[in-house]
C-alpha atoms as a PDB file:
ATOM      1  CA  UNK A   1       0.026   0.365  -0.182  1.00  0.00           C
ATOM      2  CA  UNK A   2       1.220   3.540  -1.082  1.00  0.00           C
ATOM      3  CA  UNK A   3       0.560   6.580   1.074  1.00  0.00           C
ATOM      4  CA  UNK A   4       0.812   9.933  -0.360  1.00  0.00           C
ATOM      5  CA  UNK A   5       0.627  12.821   2.147  1.00  0.00           C
ATOM      6  CA  UNK A   6       0.407  16.675   0.977  1.00  0.00           C
ATOM      7  CA  UNK A   7      -0.235  18.814   4.075  1.00  0.00           C
ATOM      8  CA  UNK A   8      -0.869  21.739   2.076  1.00  0.00           C
ATOM      9  CA  UNK A   9      -3.665  19.851   0.578  1.00  0.00           C
ATOM     10  CA  UNK A  10      -4.834  18.283   3.902  1.00  0.00           C
ATOM     11  CA  UNK A  11      -4.839  21.618   4.946  1.00  0.00           C
ATOM     12  CA  UNK A  12      -2.995  20.695   8.379  1.00  0.00           C
ATOM     13  CA  UNK A  13       0.657  21.785   8.890  1.00  0.00           C
ATOM     14  CA  UNK A  14       3.646  20.430   7.864  1.00  0.00           C
ATOM     15  CA  UNK A  15       5.153  19.398  11.271  1.00  0.00           C
ATOM     16  CA  UNK A  16       1.952  17.801  12.827  1.00  0.00           C
ATOM     17  CA  UNK A  17      -0.240  15.813  10.577  1.00  0.00           C
ATOM     18  CA  UNK A  18      -3.209  13.025  11.359  1.00  0.00           C
ATOM     19  CA  UNK A  19      -4.019  11.387   8.078  1.00  0.00           C
ATOM     20  CA  UNK A  20      -7.276   9.207   8.197  1.00  0.00           C
ATOM     21  CA  UNK A  21      -6.673   6.049   6.296  1.00  0.00           C
ATOM     22  CA  UNK A  22     -10.093   5.021   4.124  1.00  0.00           C
ATOM     23  CA  UNK A  23      -8.539   1.210   4.045  1.00  0.00           C
ATOM     24  CA  UNK A  24      -7.862   0.423   7.872  1.00  0.00           C
ATOM     25  CA  UNK A  25      -4.561  -1.925   8.215  1.00  0.00           C
ATOM     26  CA  UNK A  26      -5.328  -4.816  10.393  1.00  0.00           C
ATOM     27  CA  UNK A  27      -1.568  -5.673  12.103  1.00  0.00           C
ATOM     28  CA  UNK A  28      -3.062  -7.079  15.094  1.00  0.00           C
ATOM     29  CA  UNK A  29      -1.022 -10.679  13.689  1.00  0.00           C
ATOM     30  CA  UNK A  30       2.067  -8.376  13.331  1.00  0.00           C
ATOM     31  CA  UNK A  31       2.304  -8.690   9.770  1.00  0.00           C
ATOM     32  CA  UNK A  32       3.131  -5.174   8.112  1.00  0.00           C
ATOM     33  CA  UNK A  33       6.044  -2.719   8.286  1.00  0.00           C
ATOM     34  CA  UNK A  34       6.086   0.650   6.902  1.00  0.00           C
ATOM     35  CA  UNK A  35       8.594   2.785   5.509  1.00  0.00           C
ATOM     36  CA  UNK A  36       9.519   6.011   3.739  1.00  0.00           C
ATOM     37  CA  UNK A  37       9.969   6.152  -0.484  1.00  0.00           C
ATOM     38  CA  UNK A  38      10.650   9.898  -0.295  1.00  0.00           C
ATOM     39  CA  UNK A  39      10.419  13.293   2.058  1.00  0.00           C
ATOM     40  CA  UNK A  40      10.195  16.895   0.272  1.00  0.00           C
ATOM     41  CA  UNK A  41       9.624  19.945   2.415  1.00  0.00           C
ATOM     42  CA  UNK A  42       9.746  23.653   1.781  1.00  0.00           C
ATOM     43  CA  UNK A  43      12.304  25.602   4.101  1.00  0.00           C
ATOM     44  CA  UNK A  44      10.173  26.641   6.542  1.00  0.00           C
ATOM     45  CA  UNK A  45      12.175  26.483   9.630  1.00  0.00           C
ATOM     46  CA  UNK A  46      13.718  29.849  11.541  1.00  0.00           C
ATOM     47  CA  UNK A  47      17.348  29.637  13.461  1.00  0.00           C
ATOM     48  CA  UNK A  48      16.855  33.162  15.092  1.00  0.00           C
ATOM     49  CA  UNK A  49      13.537  33.424  17.304  1.00  0.00           C
ATOM     50  CA  UNK A  50      12.831  35.099  20.596  1.00  0.00           C
ATOM     51  CA  UNK A  51      12.147  31.629  21.760  1.00  0.00           C
ATOM     52  CA  UNK A  52      15.294  30.386  21.235  1.00  0.00           C
ATOM     53  CA  UNK A  53      16.783  33.612  22.955  1.00  0.00           C
ATOM     54  CA  UNK A  54      19.097  34.410  20.108  1.00  0.00           C
ATOM     55  CA  UNK A  55      17.473  37.515  18.821  1.00  0.00           C
ATOM     56  CA  UNK A  56      18.891  40.201  20.384  1.00  0.00           C
ATOM     57  CA  UNK A  57      21.781  42.455  18.829  1.00  0.00           C
ATOM     58  CA  UNK A  58      23.948  44.738  21.264  1.00  0.00           C
ATOM     59  CA  UNK A  59      26.108  47.466  19.945  1.00  0.00           C
ATOM     60  CA  UNK A  60      27.371  51.427  20.971  1.00  0.00           C
ATOM     61  CA  UNK A  61      26.560  53.548  18.318  1.00  0.00           C
ATOM     62  CA  UNK A  62      28.982  56.331  19.729  1.00  0.00           C
ATOM     63  CA  UNK A  63      26.137  58.063  21.935  1.00  0.00           C
ATOM     64  CA  UNK A  64      23.953  55.076  23.447  1.00  0.00           C
ATOM     65  CA  UNK A  65      24.068  51.609  23.513  1.00  0.00           C
ATOM     66  CA  UNK A  66      21.579  49.828  21.220  1.00  0.00           C
ATOM     67  CA  UNK A  67      19.359  46.262  22.040  1.00  0.00           C
ATOM     68  CA  UNK A  68      18.043  45.537  18.661  1.00  0.00           C
ATOM     69  CA  UNK A  69      15.453  42.586  18.569  1.00  0.00           C
ATOM     70  CA  UNK A  70      15.590  41.046  15.213  1.00  0.00           C
ATOM     71  CA  UNK A  71      12.212  39.697  13.858  1.00  0.00           C
ATOM     72  CA  UNK A  72      12.107  35.967  14.018  1.00  0.00           C
ATOM     73  CA  UNK A  73      13.426  34.187  10.759  1.00  0.00           C
ATOM     74  CA  UNK A  74      15.674  32.095   8.893  1.00  0.00           C
ATOM     75  CA  UNK A  75      19.140  34.094   8.860  1.00  0.00           C
ATOM     76  CA  UNK A  76      22.313  33.613   6.972  1.00  0.00           C
ATOM     77  CA  UNK A  77      25.525  35.495   8.390  1.00  0.00           C
ATOM     78  CA  UNK A  78      25.003  37.741   5.252  1.00  0.00           C
ATOM     79  CA  UNK A  79      21.496  38.944   6.079  1.00  0.00           C
ATOM     80  CA  UNK A  80      22.154  38.628   9.875  1.00  0.00           C
ATOM     81  CA  UNK A  81      24.391  41.701   9.459  1.00  0.00           C
ATOM     82  CA  UNK A  82      22.321  43.267   6.774  1.00  0.00           C
ATOM     83  CA  UNK A  83      19.037  43.575   9.185  1.00  0.00           C
ATOM     84  CA  UNK A  84      21.492  45.140  11.725  1.00  0.00           C
ATOM     85  CA  UNK A  85      22.510  47.426   8.935  1.00  0.00           C
ATOM     86  CA  UNK A  86      25.199  49.710  10.207  1.00  0.00           C
ATOM     87  CA  UNK A  87      28.183  50.676   8.220  1.00  0.00           C
ATOM     88  CA  UNK A  88      30.817  50.793  11.367  1.00  0.00           C
ATOM     89  CA  UNK A  89      29.797  47.144  11.679  1.00  0.00           C
ATOM     90  CA  UNK A  90      31.378  45.254   9.180  1.00  0.00           C
ATOM     91  CA  UNK A  91      31.748  41.209   8.732  1.00  0.00           C
ATOM     92  CA  UNK A  92      34.489  39.374   6.873  1.00  0.00           C
ATOM     93  CA  UNK A  93      33.724  35.715   6.187  1.00  0.00           C
ATOM     94  CA  UNK A  94      36.470  33.306   6.067  1.00  0.00           C
ATOM     95  CA  UNK A  95      35.472  30.775   4.186  1.00  0.00           C
ATOM     96  CA  UNK A  96      38.531  28.213   4.428  1.00  0.00           C
ATOM     97  CA  UNK A  97      37.909  28.095   8.357  1.00  0.00           C
ATOM     98  CA  UNK A  98      33.818  28.878   8.509  1.00  0.00           C
ATOM     99  CA  UNK A  99      34.692  31.601  10.823  1.00  0.00           C
ATOM    100  CA  UNK A 100      34.054  35.122  10.585  1.00  0.00           C
ATOM    101  CA  UNK A 101      36.030  38.614  11.417  1.00  0.00           C
ATOM    102  CA  UNK A 102      33.809  41.725  12.692  1.00  0.00           C
ATOM    103  CA  UNK A 103      35.359  44.757  12.618  1.00  0.00           C
ATOM    104  CA  UNK A 104      33.847  47.750  13.767  1.00  0.00           C
ATOM    105  CA  UNK A 105      34.644  51.746  13.381  1.00  0.00           C
ATOM    106  CA  UNK A 106      35.145  54.179  15.925  1.00  0.00           C
ATOM    107  CA  UNK A 107      33.526  55.159  18.413  1.00  0.00           C
ATOM    108  CA  UNK A 108      31.371  52.537  17.585  1.00  0.00           C
ATOM    109  CA  UNK A 109      31.314  48.772  19.579  1.00  0.00           C
ATOM    110  CA  UNK A 110      29.652  45.438  18.840  1.00  0.00           C
ATOM    111  CA  UNK A 111      28.857  43.154  21.696  1.00  0.00           C
ATOM    112  CA  UNK A 112      29.533  39.187  21.653  1.00  0.00           C
ATOM    113  CA  UNK A 113      26.961  37.878  23.858  1.00  0.00           C
ATOM    114  CA  UNK A 114      24.898  34.954  25.193  1.00  0.00           C
ATOM    115  CA  UNK A 115      22.362  35.751  22.348  1.00  0.00           C
ATOM    116  CA  UNK A 116      24.685  35.545  19.701  1.00  0.00           C
ATOM    117  CA  UNK A 117      27.868  34.107  20.476  1.00  0.00           C
ATOM    118  CA  UNK A 118      26.992  30.252  19.254  1.00  0.00           C
ATOM    119  CA  UNK A 119      25.554  32.140  16.097  1.00  0.00           C
ATOM    120  CA  UNK A 120      28.655  33.554  15.273  1.00  0.00           C
ATOM    121  CA  UNK A 121      31.155  31.228  16.736  1.00  0.00           C
ATOM    122  CA  UNK A 122      32.550  32.706  19.923  1.00  0.00           C
ATOM    123  CA  UNK A 123      33.100  30.933  22.735  1.00  0.00           C
ATOM    124  CA  UNK A 124      33.078  33.721  25.198  1.00  0.00           C
ATOM    125  CA  UNK A 125      31.459  37.033  25.451  1.00  0.00           C
ATOM    126  CA  UNK A 126      33.459  40.203  24.859  1.00  0.00           C
ATOM    127  CA  UNK A 127      32.719  44.103  23.783  1.00  0.00           C
ATOM    128  CA  UNK A 128      34.780  44.273  20.149  1.00  0.00           C
ATOM    129  CA  UNK A 129      36.583  47.976  19.930  1.00  0.00           C
ATOM    130  CA  UNK A 130      38.260  47.003  16.454  1.00  0.00           C
ATOM    131  CA  UNK A 131      38.247  43.497  15.220  1.00  0.00           C
ATOM    132  CA  UNK A 132      37.761  39.773  16.401  1.00  0.00           C
ATOM    133  CA  UNK A 133      37.972  36.251  14.671  1.00  0.00           C
ATOM    134  CA  UNK A 134      35.511  33.743  15.741  1.00  0.00           C
ATOM    135  CA  UNK A 135      37.357  30.946  17.807  1.00  0.00           C
ATOM    136  CA  UNK A 136      34.979  28.519  16.126  1.00  0.00           C
ATOM    137  CA  UNK A 137      32.673  28.126  12.372  1.00  0.00           C
ATOM    138  CA  UNK A 138      29.438  30.134  12.708  1.00  0.00           C
ATOM    139  CA  UNK A 139      26.508  28.491  13.043  1.00  0.00           C
ATOM    140  CA  UNK A 140      23.479  29.653  11.613  1.00  0.00           C
ATOM    141  CA  UNK A 141      22.107  25.428  11.243  1.00  0.00           C
ATOM    142  CA  UNK A 142      19.065  25.630  13.213  1.00  0.00           C
ATOM    143  CA  UNK A 143      19.197  21.907  13.869  1.00  0.00           C
ATOM    144  CA  UNK A 144      21.232  19.368  13.366  1.00  0.00           C
ATOM    145  CA  UNK A 145      18.123  16.778  11.650  1.00  0.00           C
ATOM    146  CA  UNK A 146      14.984  16.372  11.140  1.00  0.00           C
ATOM    147  CA  UNK A 147      13.123  13.958  13.390  1.00  0.00           C
ATOM    148  CA  UNK A 148      10.146  12.110  11.320  1.00  0.00           C
ATOM    149  CA  UNK A 149       8.267  10.557  14.015  1.00  0.00           C
ATOM    150  CA  UNK A 150       5.091   8.023  13.470  1.00  0.00           C
ATOM    151  CA  UNK A 151       3.161   7.121  16.122  1.00  0.00           C
ATOM    152  CA  UNK A 152       1.932   4.132  15.182  1.00  0.00           C
ATOM    153  CA  UNK A 153       5.033   2.646  15.034  1.00  0.00           C
ATOM    154  CA  UNK A 154       5.888  -0.454  17.325  1.00  0.00           C
ATOM    155  CA  UNK A 155       8.527   1.489  19.412  1.00  0.00           C
ATOM    156  CA  UNK A 156       9.536  -1.888  21.320  1.00  0.00           C
ATOM    157  CA  UNK A 157      11.111  -2.500  18.019  1.00  0.00           C
ATOM    158  CA  UNK A 158      12.532   1.140  17.336  1.00  0.00           C
ATOM    159  CA  UNK A 159      15.664   1.972  19.260  1.00  0.00           C
ATOM    160  CA  UNK A 160      17.198   5.546  18.768  1.00  0.00           C
ATOM    161  CA  UNK A 161      20.183   5.925  21.425  1.00  0.00           C
ATOM    162  CA  UNK A 162      19.335   3.073  23.267  1.00  0.00           C
ATOM    163  CA  UNK A 163      16.047   4.326  23.920  1.00  0.00           C
ATOM    164  CA  UNK A 164      12.356   2.547  22.656  1.00  0.00           C
ATOM    165  CA  UNK A 165      11.283   5.644  19.946  1.00  0.00           C
ATOM    166  CA  UNK A 166       8.871   5.966  17.020  1.00  0.00           C
ATOM    167  CA  UNK A 167      11.154   7.596  14.583  1.00  0.00           C
ATOM    168  CA  UNK A 168      10.234   6.486  11.175  1.00  0.00           C
ATOM    169  CA  UNK A 169      13.533   8.338   9.220  1.00  0.00           C
ATOM    170  CA  UNK A 170      15.867  10.922   9.850  1.00  0.00           C
ATOM    171  CA  UNK A 171      16.471  14.093   7.367  1.00  0.00           C
ATOM    172  CA  UNK A 172      19.366  16.269   6.764  1.00  0.00           C
ATOM    173  CA  UNK A 173      18.705  19.821   7.581  1.00  0.00           C
ATOM    174  CA  UNK A 174      19.915  22.279   5.251  1.00  0.00           C
ATOM    175  CA  UNK A 175      21.524  25.741   4.835  1.00  0.00           C
ATOM    176  CA  UNK A 176      18.949  26.874   2.057  1.00  0.00           C
ATOM    177  CA  UNK A 177      16.472  29.635   2.227  1.00  0.00           C
ATOM    178  CA  UNK A 178      13.311  29.735   3.657  1.00  0.00           C
ATOM    179  CA  UNK A 179      10.980  28.513   0.773  1.00  0.00           C
ATOM    180  CA  UNK A 180      13.183  26.200  -0.783  1.00  0.00           C
ATOM    181  CA  UNK A 181      12.111  23.167  -1.758  1.00  0.00           C
ATOM    182  CA  UNK A 182      14.395  20.022  -0.309  1.00  0.00           C
ATOM    183  CA  UNK A 183      13.813  16.632  -1.328  1.00  0.00           C
ATOM    184  CA  UNK A 184      15.090  13.507   0.284  1.00  0.00           C
ATOM    185  CA  UNK A 185      14.449   9.829  -1.429  1.00  0.00           C
ATOM    186  CA  UNK A 186      15.235   7.003   0.657  1.00  0.00           C
ATOM    187  CA  UNK A 187      17.121   4.225  -1.745  1.00  0.00           C
ATOM    188  CA  UNK A 188      17.182   1.578   1.399  1.00  0.00           C
ATOM    189  CA  UNK A 189      14.610   2.453   3.351  1.00  0.00           C
ATOM    190  CA  UNK A 190      14.802   1.632   6.776  1.00  0.00           C
ATOM    191  CA  UNK A 191      11.834  -0.404   7.827  1.00  0.00           C
ATOM    192  CA  UNK A 192       9.573  -0.156  11.069  1.00  0.00           C
ATOM    193  CA  UNK A 193       7.379  -2.604  12.438  1.00  0.00           C
ATOM    194  CA  UNK A 194       3.677  -1.249  13.012  1.00  0.00           C
ATOM    195  CA  UNK A 195       1.924  -1.137  16.195  1.00  0.00           C
ATOM    196  CA  UNK A 196      -0.166  -5.149  16.963  1.00  0.00           C
ATOM    197  CA  UNK A 197      -3.682  -3.388  16.155  1.00  0.00           C
ATOM    198  CA  UNK A 198      -6.250  -1.995  13.922  1.00  0.00           C
ATOM    199  CA  UNK A 199      -4.595   1.323  12.368  1.00  0.00           C
ATOM    200  CA  UNK A 200      -7.065   3.280  11.001  1.00  0.00           C
ATOM    201  CA  UNK A 201      -4.984   6.809  11.118  1.00  0.00           C
ATOM    202  CA  UNK A 202      -1.526   7.882  10.662  1.00  0.00           C
ATOM    203  CA  UNK A 203      -0.129  10.757  13.369  1.00  0.00           C
ATOM    204  CA  UNK A 204       3.241  12.018  12.228  1.00  0.00           C
ATOM    205  CA  UNK A 205       5.067  14.841  13.803  1.00  0.00           C
ATOM    206  CA  UNK A 206       8.702  16.432  12.954  1.00  0.00           C
ATOM    207  CA  UNK A 207      11.221  17.305  15.580  1.00  0.00           C
ATOM    208  CA  UNK A 208      14.869  18.197  16.185  1.00  0.00           C
ATOM    209  CA  UNK A 209      17.351  16.163  17.826  1.00  0.00           C
ATOM    210  CA  UNK A 210      16.224  17.061  21.526  1.00  0.00           C
ATOM    211  CA  UNK A 211      12.710  16.035  20.611  1.00  0.00           C
ATOM    212  CA  UNK A 212      11.250  19.909  20.454  1.00  0.00           C
ATOM    213  CA  UNK A 213       8.186  20.216  17.574  1.00  0.00           C
ATOM    214  CA  UNK A 214      10.064  21.807  14.738  1.00  0.00           C
ATOM    215  CA  UNK A 215       7.680  24.524  12.828  1.00  0.00           C
ATOM    216  CA  UNK A 216       7.515  24.955   9.413  1.00  0.00           C
ATOM    217  CA  UNK A 217       5.789  28.154   9.434  1.00  0.00           C
ATOM    218  CA  UNK A 218       2.895  27.325   7.138  1.00  0.00           C
ATOM    219  CA  UNK A 219       5.393  25.604   4.604  1.00  0.00           C
ATOM    220  CA  UNK A 220       4.370  22.198   3.158  1.00  0.00           C
ATOM    221  CA  UNK A 221       5.659  18.918   3.992  1.00  0.00           C
ATOM    222  CA  UNK A 222       5.132  15.849   1.615  1.00  0.00           C
ATOM    223  CA  UNK A 223       5.807  11.880   1.870  1.00  0.00           C
ATOM    224  CA  UNK A 224       5.636   9.090   0.285  1.00  0.00           C
ATOM    225  CA  UNK A 225       5.031   6.158   2.606  1.00  0.00           C
ATOM    226  CA  UNK A 226       4.679   2.275   1.842  1.00  0.00           C
ATOM    227  CA  UNK A 227       3.527  -0.190   4.051  1.00  0.00           C
ATOM    228  CA  UNK A 228       3.889  -3.720   3.065  1.00  0.00           C
ATOM    229  CA  UNK A 229       4.204  -7.474   4.622  1.00  0.00           C
ATOM    230  CA  UNK A 230       6.910  -8.207   6.412  1.00  0.00           C
ATOM    231  CA  UNK A 231       7.401 -11.729   3.965  1.00  0.00           C
ATOM    232  CA  UNK A 232       6.956  -9.843   1.053  1.00  0.00           C
ATOM    233  CA  UNK A 233       9.324  -7.110   1.861  1.00  0.00           C
ATOM    234  CA  UNK A 234      11.937 -10.280   3.128  1.00  0.00           C
ATOM    235  CA  UNK A 235      11.689 -11.587  -0.507  1.00  0.00           C
ATOM    236  CA  UNK A 236      12.283  -8.524  -2.140  1.00  0.00           C
ATOM    237  CA  UNK A 237      16.220  -8.614  -0.224  1.00  0.00           C
END
């Protein structure tokens, strides 16, 4: 059985979908497995938000200290400094190392705070009076991975870091801009056993590596899933 899910068509959020099945899956005899064929999504997650606590930029403009609140959104290093929009605060991206050099012109200063030090690759807070280079690569990647969960998975046969879970698949996160289409096809899909019951719906949700729901801010997510008998799938192998 092939199941195609389009969050845009069903009017649900891409990160949290509940799908009623026209034909129920009778898995009381533990005969069926499920696996993803492909997952596509339009980038809709943010990397700078009030909730993440990384949206405040602090600098001195020669007269007073400014605490600028950035709007929630998906930023690159370039768009971060473009939003700050101060000619006396400049950056140079060091491509071979991924680090950034931040330069300021007097009387301006730029503050590395707990709000932005991880984003900009600094290990400690400081006030930059002339210039400073980050200690490690900049980190504007909002998540390490996208974890696709299915509540109808038999978690007793599914483990993540030694703990039973309902993870169906793991999908890479990209640095693409907001609204970019990302497509991921599983050439050798990992199969998961379904719950030993009659299944009439599928509940799918997306989290980060820490189990936090990832919001896609209205952008759609698409899934192609297959349900097959265990015996038939083994014969394919």
